[in-house]
Amino acid sequence: MKTTNKNNENLIAKLQYQLQRYKAMGNGAICQSLNNRIQRLSAQQKA
């Protein structure tokens, strides 16, 4: 379980970086999709 949590943390960090880059470019549609994915992973990790 620890490796799964660590993998999720790494994936969340990667998605947050991508989100920042897409926000800077002004691409709202991809930002929304990335935000949804981050939220799902965060909720999954807390459960």
N, C-alpha and C. Protein backbone atom coordinates (compact mmCIF):
# COMPACT_ATOMS: atom_id res chain seq x y z
N MET A 1 0.82 -1.20 0.00
CA MET A 1 0.00 0.00 0.00
C MET A 1 0.86 1.26 0.00
N LYS A 2 2.01 1.19 0.67
CA LYS A 2 2.86 2.38 0.71
C LYS A 2 3.37 2.75 -0.67
N THR A 3 3.71 1.75 -1.48
CA THR A 3 4.20 2.07 -2.82
C THR A 3 3.10 2.69 -3.66
N THR A 4 1.87 2.23 -3.48
CA THR A 4 0.76 2.82 -4.22
C THR A 4 0.56 4.28 -3.81
N ASN A 5 0.62 4.56 -2.51
CA ASN A 5 0.50 5.94 -2.05
C ASN A 5 1.63 6.79 -2.59
N LYS A 6 2.85 6.25 -2.59
CA LYS A 6 4.00 6.99 -3.09
C LYS A 6 3.85 7.25 -4.59
N ASN A 7 3.37 6.23 -5.32
CA ASN A 7 3.13 6.41 -6.75
C ASN A 7 2.07 7.47 -7.00
N ASN A 8 1.00 7.45 -6.18
CA ASN A 8 -0.05 8.46 -6.33
C ASN A 8 0.49 9.85 -6.03
N GLU A 9 1.33 9.96 -5.00
CA GLU A 9 1.92 11.26 -4.67
C GLU A 9 2.76 11.78 -5.82
N ASN A 10 3.55 10.89 -6.42
CA ASN A 10 4.38 11.30 -7.55
C ASN A 10 3.52 11.70 -8.75
N LEU A 11 2.45 10.94 -8.98
CA LEU A 11 1.56 11.26 -10.09
C LEU A 11 0.85 12.59 -9.86
N ILE A 12 0.41 12.83 -8.62
CA ILE A 12 -0.26 14.09 -8.30
C ILE A 12 0.71 15.26 -8.50
N ALA A 13 1.95 15.10 -8.08
CA ALA A 13 2.95 16.17 -8.28
C ALA A 13 3.16 16.43 -9.76
N LYS A 14 3.22 15.38 -10.55
CA LYS A 14 3.42 15.51 -11.99
C LYS A 14 2.22 16.23 -12.62
N LEU A 15 1.01 15.84 -12.21
CA LEU A 15 -0.19 16.47 -12.76
C LEU A 15 -0.29 17.93 -12.34
N GLN A 16 0.12 18.24 -11.11
CA GLN A 16 0.09 19.64 -10.66
C GLN A 16 1.06 20.49 -11.46
N TYR A 17 2.23 19.92 -11.80
CA TYR A 17 3.19 20.64 -12.64
C TYR A 17 2.58 20.90 -14.02
N GLN A 18 1.97 19.86 -14.60
CA GLN A 18 1.33 20.02 -15.91
C GLN A 18 0.23 21.07 -15.84
N LEU A 19 -0.53 21.05 -14.75
CA LEU A 19 -1.62 22.02 -14.57
C LEU A 19 -1.08 23.45 -14.58
N GLN A 20 0.01 23.67 -13.88
CA GLN A 20 0.62 25.00 -13.87
C GLN A 20 1.04 25.44 -15.26
N ARG A 21 1.62 24.52 -16.02
CA ARG A 21 2.08 24.85 -17.37
C ARG A 21 0.89 25.18 -18.29
N TYR A 22 -0.18 24.37 -18.21
CA TYR A 22 -1.35 24.63 -19.05
C TYR A 22 -2.07 25.91 -18.64
N LYS A 23 -2.06 26.23 -17.33
CA LYS A 23 -2.66 27.50 -16.88
C LYS A 23 -1.90 28.66 -17.47
N ALA A 24 -0.57 28.56 -17.48
CA ALA A 24 0.26 29.63 -18.02
C ALA A 24 -0.02 29.84 -19.52
N MET A 25 -0.35 28.75 -20.21
CA MET A 25 -0.64 28.83 -21.64
C MET A 25 -2.08 29.27 -21.88
N GLY A 26 -2.91 29.24 -20.85
CA GLY A 26 -4.30 29.66 -21.00
C GLY A 26 -5.20 28.58 -21.59
N ASN A 27 -4.88 27.32 -21.34
CA ASN A 27 -5.68 26.23 -21.88
C ASN A 27 -6.63 25.71 -20.80
N GLY A 28 -7.83 26.30 -20.73
CA GLY A 28 -8.78 26.00 -19.67
C GLY A 28 -9.36 24.60 -19.70
N ALA A 29 -9.59 24.05 -20.87
CA ALA A 29 -10.21 22.72 -20.97
C ALA A 29 -9.30 21.65 -20.37
N ILE A 30 -8.03 21.71 -20.70
CA ILE A 30 -7.10 20.72 -20.15
C ILE A 30 -6.90 20.95 -18.66
N CYS A 31 -6.91 22.20 -18.22
CA CYS A 31 -6.79 22.51 -16.79
C CYS A 31 -7.93 21.87 -16.01
N GLN A 32 -9.14 21.95 -16.52
CA GLN A 32 -10.28 21.34 -15.84
C GLN A 32 -10.13 19.84 -15.75
N SER A 33 -9.70 19.23 -16.83
CA SER A 33 -9.53 17.78 -16.83
C SER A 33 -8.43 17.36 -15.87
N LEU A 34 -7.33 18.10 -15.82
CA LEU A 34 -6.25 17.79 -14.88
C LEU A 34 -6.70 17.99 -13.44
N ASN A 35 -7.45 19.06 -13.18
CA ASN A 35 -7.97 19.29 -11.84
C ASN A 35 -8.86 18.15 -11.38
N ASN A 36 -9.72 17.67 -12.28
CA ASN A 36 -10.60 16.54 -11.93
C ASN A 36 -9.79 15.30 -11.60
N ARG A 37 -8.77 15.06 -12.39
CA ARG A 37 -7.93 13.86 -12.15
C ARG A 37 -7.18 13.97 -10.82
N ILE A 38 -6.66 15.16 -10.53
CA ILE A 38 -5.95 15.40 -9.26
C ILE A 38 -6.91 15.19 -8.09
N GLN A 39 -8.11 15.72 -8.20
CA GLN A 39 -9.10 15.58 -7.13
C GLN A 39 -9.45 14.11 -6.90
N ARG A 40 -9.64 13.35 -7.98
CA ARG A 40 -9.95 11.93 -7.84
C ARG A 40 -8.83 11.17 -7.15
N LEU A 41 -7.60 11.45 -7.55
CA LEU A 41 -6.46 10.77 -6.95
C LEU A 41 -6.29 11.16 -5.48
N SER A 42 -6.52 12.42 -5.17
CA SER A 42 -6.41 12.88 -3.78
C SER A 42 -7.46 12.21 -2.90
N ALA A 43 -8.68 12.12 -3.41
CA ALA A 43 -9.75 11.48 -2.66
C ALA A 43 -9.47 9.99 -2.47
N GLN A 44 -8.93 9.37 -3.50
CA GLN A 44 -8.59 7.95 -3.43
C GLN A 44 -7.49 7.70 -2.41
N GLN A 45 -6.55 8.61 -2.35
CA GLN A 45 -5.42 8.48 -1.44
C GLN A 45 -5.86 8.65 0.02
N LYS A 46 -6.84 9.54 0.26
CA LYS A 46 -7.32 9.78 1.62
C LYS A 46 -8.18 8.63 2.13
N ALA A 47 -8.82 7.93 1.21
CA ALA A 47 -9.72 6.84 1.62
C ALA A 47 -8.98 5.60 2.03
